[in-house]
Amino acid sequence: MSELKQRIFEAAKDFQLINFASITENGKPWVRYVVGKADNQLVFRFCTFIGSRKVGQIRKNPNVHISLGAKDLETAKHWIQVEGRAEVTTDKTERESFWFDHLKNYYSGPDDPNYCIIIVSPSRIEFGTMGSMTPEVWQAAGS
C-alpha cells in the first residue's frame, strides 16, 4: 500500500460522520450525514433504509461525493474528499459485516428487509492537511 493510501485508510477506517452527496431527480446536489468507514482498498460503506431518497438517487445516478475528516477547527488535522460511484446492496455478507450495535435503534437486525448497504468505490481522493493549500491526490487505477 502506498504511503498516501495508508494515511487515507488510517483517517477513514473507523466509523465516523461522513457528508454524503448525491444528485436529486432535479439534477441538484443533496448532502446529508451518514455514519460510515473505509476498508483497506479505500472503498467506503454506510447503511441506509432501502426506501430512502438516497437509494433512489443512487439508482438513477451513481456518481457521488463524500467528505470527512475535519471534525472541528480546534483538532482538525486533515480532510478527505472522495469522488466515486455508489451501488446499493442487500447482500447478506455485506449487511452482516457492516452491522454494529447502534443500528439496533433503526433496524431489527442485519436481516431487516429495510436495511441496505451503500458501497462507494472511489475514482479520486483528495487528502488535505490543515495549513496546506494543495491536497495530495490518490486516483484509482484506470481513472
Protein backbone atom coordinates (compact mmCIF):
# COMPACT_ATOMS: atom_id res chain seq x y z
CA MET A 1 0.00 0.00 0.00
CA SER A 2 1.39 3.42 -0.91
CA GLU A 3 2.18 5.82 1.90
CA LEU A 4 -0.63 8.18 0.83
CA LYS A 5 -3.15 5.34 0.56
CA GLN A 6 -2.13 4.18 4.06
CA ARG A 7 -2.65 7.66 5.53
CA ILE A 8 -6.08 7.93 3.89
CA PHE A 9 -7.01 4.49 5.24
CA GLU A 10 -5.84 5.39 8.76
CA ALA A 11 -8.01 8.52 8.68
CA ALA A 12 -11.10 6.75 7.26
CA LYS A 13 -11.03 3.20 8.71
CA ASP A 14 -13.16 3.86 11.79
CA PHE A 15 -16.87 4.65 11.90
CA GLN A 16 -17.40 8.39 11.67
CA LEU A 17 -19.77 11.04 10.40
CA ILE A 18 -19.43 11.45 6.66
CA ASN A 19 -21.00 14.07 4.41
CA PHE A 20 -22.54 12.16 1.52
CA ALA A 21 -23.73 13.97 -1.62
CA SER A 22 -25.87 12.51 -4.38
CA ILE A 23 -27.80 14.08 -7.25
CA THR A 24 -31.55 14.64 -6.89
CA GLU A 25 -34.13 13.86 -9.52
CA ASN A 26 -33.95 17.58 -10.45
CA GLY A 27 -30.21 17.36 -11.10
CA LYS A 28 -29.26 19.24 -7.91
CA PRO A 29 -26.71 18.06 -5.32
CA TRP A 30 -28.08 16.91 -1.96
CA VAL A 31 -25.83 16.40 1.08
CA ARG A 32 -26.62 14.53 4.26
CA TYR A 33 -24.73 12.95 7.15
CA VAL A 34 -24.19 9.21 7.27
CA VAL A 35 -22.05 7.03 9.51
CA GLY A 36 -19.53 5.01 7.58
CA LYS A 37 -15.95 3.92 7.12
CA ALA A 38 -13.47 2.77 4.50
CA ASP A 39 -11.82 -0.61 4.03
CA ASN A 40 -8.13 -1.07 3.18
CA GLN A 41 -8.93 -0.65 -0.54
CA LEU A 42 -10.45 2.76 0.28
CA VAL A 43 -13.95 1.55 -0.57
CA PHE A 44 -16.45 3.33 1.68
CA ARG A 45 -19.57 1.77 3.18
CA PHE A 46 -22.55 3.04 5.10
CA CYS A 47 -26.08 1.79 5.63
CA THR A 48 -29.47 3.29 4.98
CA PHE A 49 -33.13 2.39 4.56
CA ILE A 50 -33.83 0.64 1.26
CA GLY A 51 -36.69 3.08 0.59
CA SER A 52 -34.67 6.25 1.30
CA ARG A 53 -34.31 9.12 -1.15
CA LYS A 54 -30.58 8.48 -1.44
CA VAL A 55 -31.18 4.92 -2.69
CA GLY A 56 -33.44 6.21 -5.45
CA GLN A 57 -30.95 8.93 -6.32
CA ILE A 58 -28.04 6.45 -6.49
CA ARG A 59 -30.02 4.10 -8.71
CA LYS A 60 -30.72 6.98 -11.09
CA ASN A 61 -27.21 8.48 -10.96
CA PRO A 62 -24.44 6.57 -9.15
CA ASN A 63 -21.96 9.49 -9.22
CA VAL A 64 -21.49 10.66 -5.63
CA HIS A 65 -19.17 12.65 -3.40
CA ILE A 66 -18.05 12.09 0.20
CA SER A 67 -16.21 14.44 2.55
CA LEU A 68 -14.90 13.62 6.00
CA GLY A 69 -12.13 14.19 8.49
CA ALA A 70 -12.48 17.75 9.76
CA LYS A 71 -14.48 17.38 12.97
CA ASP A 72 -13.84 20.90 14.28
CA LEU A 73 -11.38 23.74 13.76
CA GLU A 74 -9.53 23.11 17.03
CA THR A 75 -8.50 19.48 16.46
CA ALA A 76 -8.72 19.10 12.67
CA LYS A 77 -5.53 17.78 11.12
CA HIS A 78 -6.74 16.72 7.70
CA TRP A 79 -9.77 16.38 5.45
CA ILE A 80 -10.71 13.92 2.75
CA GLN A 81 -12.77 14.46 -0.41
CA VAL A 82 -13.90 11.36 -2.35
CA GLU A 83 -15.28 11.26 -5.87
CA GLY A 84 -16.81 7.90 -6.69
CA ARG A 85 -19.62 5.67 -7.83
CA ALA A 86 -22.14 4.21 -5.42
CA GLU A 87 -24.05 0.98 -5.51
CA VAL A 88 -26.85 -0.32 -3.32
CA THR A 89 -26.64 -3.86 -1.99
CA THR A 90 -28.70 -6.13 0.23
CA ASP A 91 -26.06 -8.86 0.10
CA LYS A 92 -26.21 -10.86 3.34
CA THR A 93 -22.43 -10.88 3.84
CA GLU A 94 -22.20 -7.11 3.34
CA ARG A 95 -25.06 -6.44 5.75
CA GLU A 96 -23.65 -8.70 8.44
CA SER A 97 -20.08 -7.40 8.15
CA PHE A 98 -21.19 -3.76 8.42
CA TRP A 99 -23.59 -4.31 11.35
CA PHE A 100 -22.84 -2.68 14.72
CA ASP A 101 -24.94 -2.45 17.89
CA HIS A 102 -26.04 1.18 17.49
CA LEU A 103 -28.01 0.14 14.38
CA LYS A 104 -30.48 -1.66 16.68
CA ASN A 105 -32.05 1.80 17.14
CA TYR A 106 -33.13 1.73 13.48
CA TYR A 107 -33.28 -1.89 12.31
CA SER A 108 -34.35 -5.19 13.88
CA GLY A 109 -31.04 -6.78 12.83
CA PRO A 110 -28.84 -7.40 9.81
CA ASP A 111 -31.68 -9.35 8.17
CA ASP A 112 -34.15 -6.44 8.42
CA PRO A 113 -35.65 -6.01 4.92
CA ASN A 114 -35.34 -2.21 5.24
CA TYR A 115 -31.57 -2.37 5.87
CA CYS A 116 -29.17 -2.00 2.94
CA ILE A 117 -25.55 -1.06 2.41
CA ILE A 118 -24.23 1.67 0.14
CA ILE A 119 -20.79 0.89 -1.31
CA VAL A 120 -18.81 3.82 -2.73
CA SER A 121 -15.89 2.89 -4.96
CA PRO A 122 -13.62 5.92 -5.30
CA SER A 123 -12.09 7.15 -8.53
CA ARG A 124 -10.27 10.09 -6.90
CA ILE A 125 -9.48 11.02 -3.31
CA GLU A 126 -8.02 14.31 -2.17
CA PHE A 127 -6.21 14.23 1.18
CA GLY A 128 -5.79 17.72 2.55
CA THR A 129 -3.72 18.75 5.50
CA MET A 130 -4.60 21.79 7.56
CA GLY A 131 -2.15 24.54 6.77
CA SER A 132 -1.54 23.39 3.19
CA MET A 133 -3.38 24.86 0.24
CA THR A 134 -2.76 21.88 -2.07
CA PRO A 135 -4.19 18.42 -1.30
CA GLU A 136 -2.41 15.20 -2.13
CA VAL A 137 -4.33 13.16 -4.73
CA TRP A 138 -4.89 9.40 -4.90
CA GLN A 139 -6.52 8.01 -8.03
CA ALA A 140 -7.86 4.54 -8.69
CA ALA A 141 -6.18 2.59 -11.45
CA GLY A 142 -7.75 3.47 -14.79
CA SER A 143 -9.21 6.77 -13.54
